Amino acid sequence: MLIELISYPIILIAIGIFDIIGFLDLGKWIYIIRLKMSVKLKTKHKVTFSESGLYYETSNIKSEIAWDFYTSFLESENTLILIYANRQFSVIPKSSFQNNDYPILKDFLSHYYQSPTQN
């Protein structure tokens, strides 16, 4: 019993130290776990873009977000990522765009944020 009381804090302190020095990226793993458990992924989303911002709608959420809420954007082969804070972002699959909508939005974002980063 005494060994368990001593070993758990030591293990937790070691994990904390590894996370602080960047050896473990616990934030990423916590985010992935929370994302997989999220009910948001199991509902239908509607996102509409305009020059003033984006309109986001689900069965129980309706939200208008101005472009100045976001600080920049990234893109990968399959996703558009709108960044609004450190480790805070909105992910939009490129497959959700119709026809030539994505290149138009990307051009707008490139001008709005000046320097996108590509992965």
Protein backbone atom coordinates (compact mmCIF):
# COMPACT_ATOMS: atom_id res chain seq x y z
CA MET A 1 0.00 0.00 0.00
CA LEU A 2 2.80 2.44 0.88
CA ILE A 3 4.63 1.62 -2.37
CA GLU A 4 1.48 2.47 -4.38
CA LEU A 5 1.10 5.79 -2.55
CA ILE A 6 4.68 6.71 -3.42
CA SER A 7 4.82 5.30 -6.96
CA TYR A 8 1.71 7.04 -8.40
CA PRO A 9 2.90 10.59 -7.64
CA ILE A 10 6.34 9.77 -9.01
CA ILE A 11 4.82 8.42 -12.24
CA LEU A 12 2.56 11.46 -12.60
CA ILE A 13 5.45 13.87 -11.94
CA ALA A 14 7.58 12.06 -14.55
CA ILE A 15 4.76 12.27 -17.12
CA GLY A 16 4.36 15.99 -16.34
CA ILE A 17 8.07 16.65 -16.77
CA PHE A 18 8.18 14.74 -20.07
CA ASP A 19 5.16 16.73 -21.29
CA ILE A 20 6.71 20.07 -20.28
CA ILE A 21 9.99 19.38 -22.09
CA GLY A 22 8.07 18.24 -25.15
CA PHE A 23 9.01 14.58 -25.01
CA LEU A 24 5.35 13.63 -24.79
CA ASP A 25 2.74 15.64 -26.65
CA LEU A 26 -0.11 14.85 -24.29
CA GLY A 27 -2.17 17.77 -25.57
CA LYS A 28 -2.41 16.15 -28.99
CA TRP A 29 -3.48 12.79 -27.55
CA ILE A 30 -6.02 14.37 -25.22
CA TYR A 31 -7.45 16.32 -28.17
CA ILE A 32 -7.70 13.16 -30.32
CA ILE A 33 -9.45 11.24 -27.54
CA ARG A 34 -11.88 14.10 -26.89
CA LEU A 35 -12.54 14.46 -30.62
CA LYS A 36 -13.33 10.76 -31.03
CA MET A 37 -15.69 10.87 -28.04
CA SER A 38 -17.40 14.03 -29.27
CA VAL A 39 -21.03 13.86 -30.29
CA LYS A 40 -20.30 16.61 -32.84
CA LEU A 41 -18.79 14.06 -35.21
CA LYS A 42 -22.00 12.05 -35.27
CA THR A 43 -24.28 14.87 -36.45
CA LYS A 44 -24.69 16.62 -39.77
CA HIS A 45 -23.02 20.02 -40.13
CA LYS A 46 -23.72 22.84 -42.54
CA VAL A 47 -21.05 25.49 -43.10
CA THR A 48 -21.60 28.50 -45.35
CA PHE A 49 -18.83 30.95 -46.20
CA SER A 50 -19.18 34.64 -47.04
CA GLU A 51 -16.89 37.69 -47.14
CA SER A 52 -17.91 38.57 -43.57
CA GLY A 53 -17.23 35.14 -42.07
CA LEU A 54 -18.70 31.70 -41.85
CA TYR A 55 -22.09 30.44 -40.75
CA TYR A 56 -22.07 27.13 -38.88
CA GLU A 57 -25.19 25.08 -38.24
CA THR A 58 -26.00 21.72 -36.66
CA SER A 59 -29.27 20.36 -35.31
CA ASN A 60 -28.88 22.39 -32.10
CA ILE A 61 -26.21 25.04 -32.84
CA LYS A 62 -26.39 28.07 -35.12
CA SER A 63 -23.39 30.37 -35.13
CA GLU A 64 -21.94 33.17 -37.24
CA ILE A 65 -18.18 33.61 -36.91
CA ALA A 66 -16.37 36.65 -38.34
CA TRP A 67 -13.08 36.09 -40.16
CA ASP A 68 -11.19 38.19 -37.63
CA PHE A 69 -11.97 35.54 -34.99
CA TYR A 70 -9.46 33.32 -36.78
CA THR A 71 -5.77 34.19 -36.85
CA SER A 72 -4.59 32.08 -39.80
CA PHE A 73 -5.23 28.90 -41.70
CA LEU A 74 -3.42 25.74 -42.71
CA GLU A 75 -4.25 23.21 -45.33
CA SER A 76 -3.31 19.62 -45.85
CA GLU A 77 -4.18 17.30 -48.70
CA ASN A 78 -7.64 16.59 -47.27
CA THR A 79 -8.50 19.35 -44.81
CA LEU A 80 -8.73 23.07 -44.28
CA ILE A 81 -7.80 24.13 -40.75
CA LEU A 82 -8.88 27.55 -39.48
CA ILE A 83 -6.78 28.52 -36.45
CA TYR A 84 -8.17 30.77 -33.72
CA ALA A 85 -5.84 30.18 -30.73
CA ASN A 86 -2.93 28.03 -29.59
CA ARG A 87 -4.05 24.43 -30.18
CA GLN A 88 -7.56 25.69 -31.03
CA PHE A 89 -8.87 25.33 -34.54
CA SER A 90 -11.79 24.40 -36.78
CA VAL A 91 -11.29 21.51 -39.19
CA ILE A 92 -13.21 21.45 -42.46
CA PRO A 93 -12.83 18.48 -44.82
CA LYS A 94 -12.07 19.52 -48.39
CA SER A 95 -14.50 16.85 -49.55
CA SER A 96 -17.34 18.96 -48.15
CA PHE A 97 -16.84 21.60 -50.84
CA GLN A 98 -18.73 21.51 -54.11
CA ASN A 99 -17.19 22.11 -57.55
CA ASN A 100 -14.82 25.10 -57.53
CA ASP A 101 -15.81 26.42 -54.09
CA TYR A 102 -12.59 25.45 -52.32
CA PRO A 103 -10.16 27.30 -54.65
CA ILE A 104 -12.30 30.44 -54.30
CA LEU A 105 -12.27 30.19 -50.50
CA LYS A 106 -8.53 29.44 -50.43
CA ASP A 107 -7.83 32.50 -52.58
CA PHE A 108 -9.95 34.63 -50.25
CA LEU A 109 -8.19 33.26 -47.14
CA SER A 110 -4.75 33.76 -48.73
CA HIS A 111 -5.52 37.43 -49.25
CA TYR A 112 -7.23 37.87 -45.88
CA TYR A 113 -4.45 36.23 -43.82
CA GLN A 114 -1.58 37.09 -46.23
CA SER A 115 0.63 34.02 -45.63
CA PRO A 116 -0.94 30.58 -45.28
CA THR A 117 1.20 27.61 -44.29
CA GLN A 118 0.85 24.37 -46.19
CA ASN A 119 1.57 20.90 -44.78
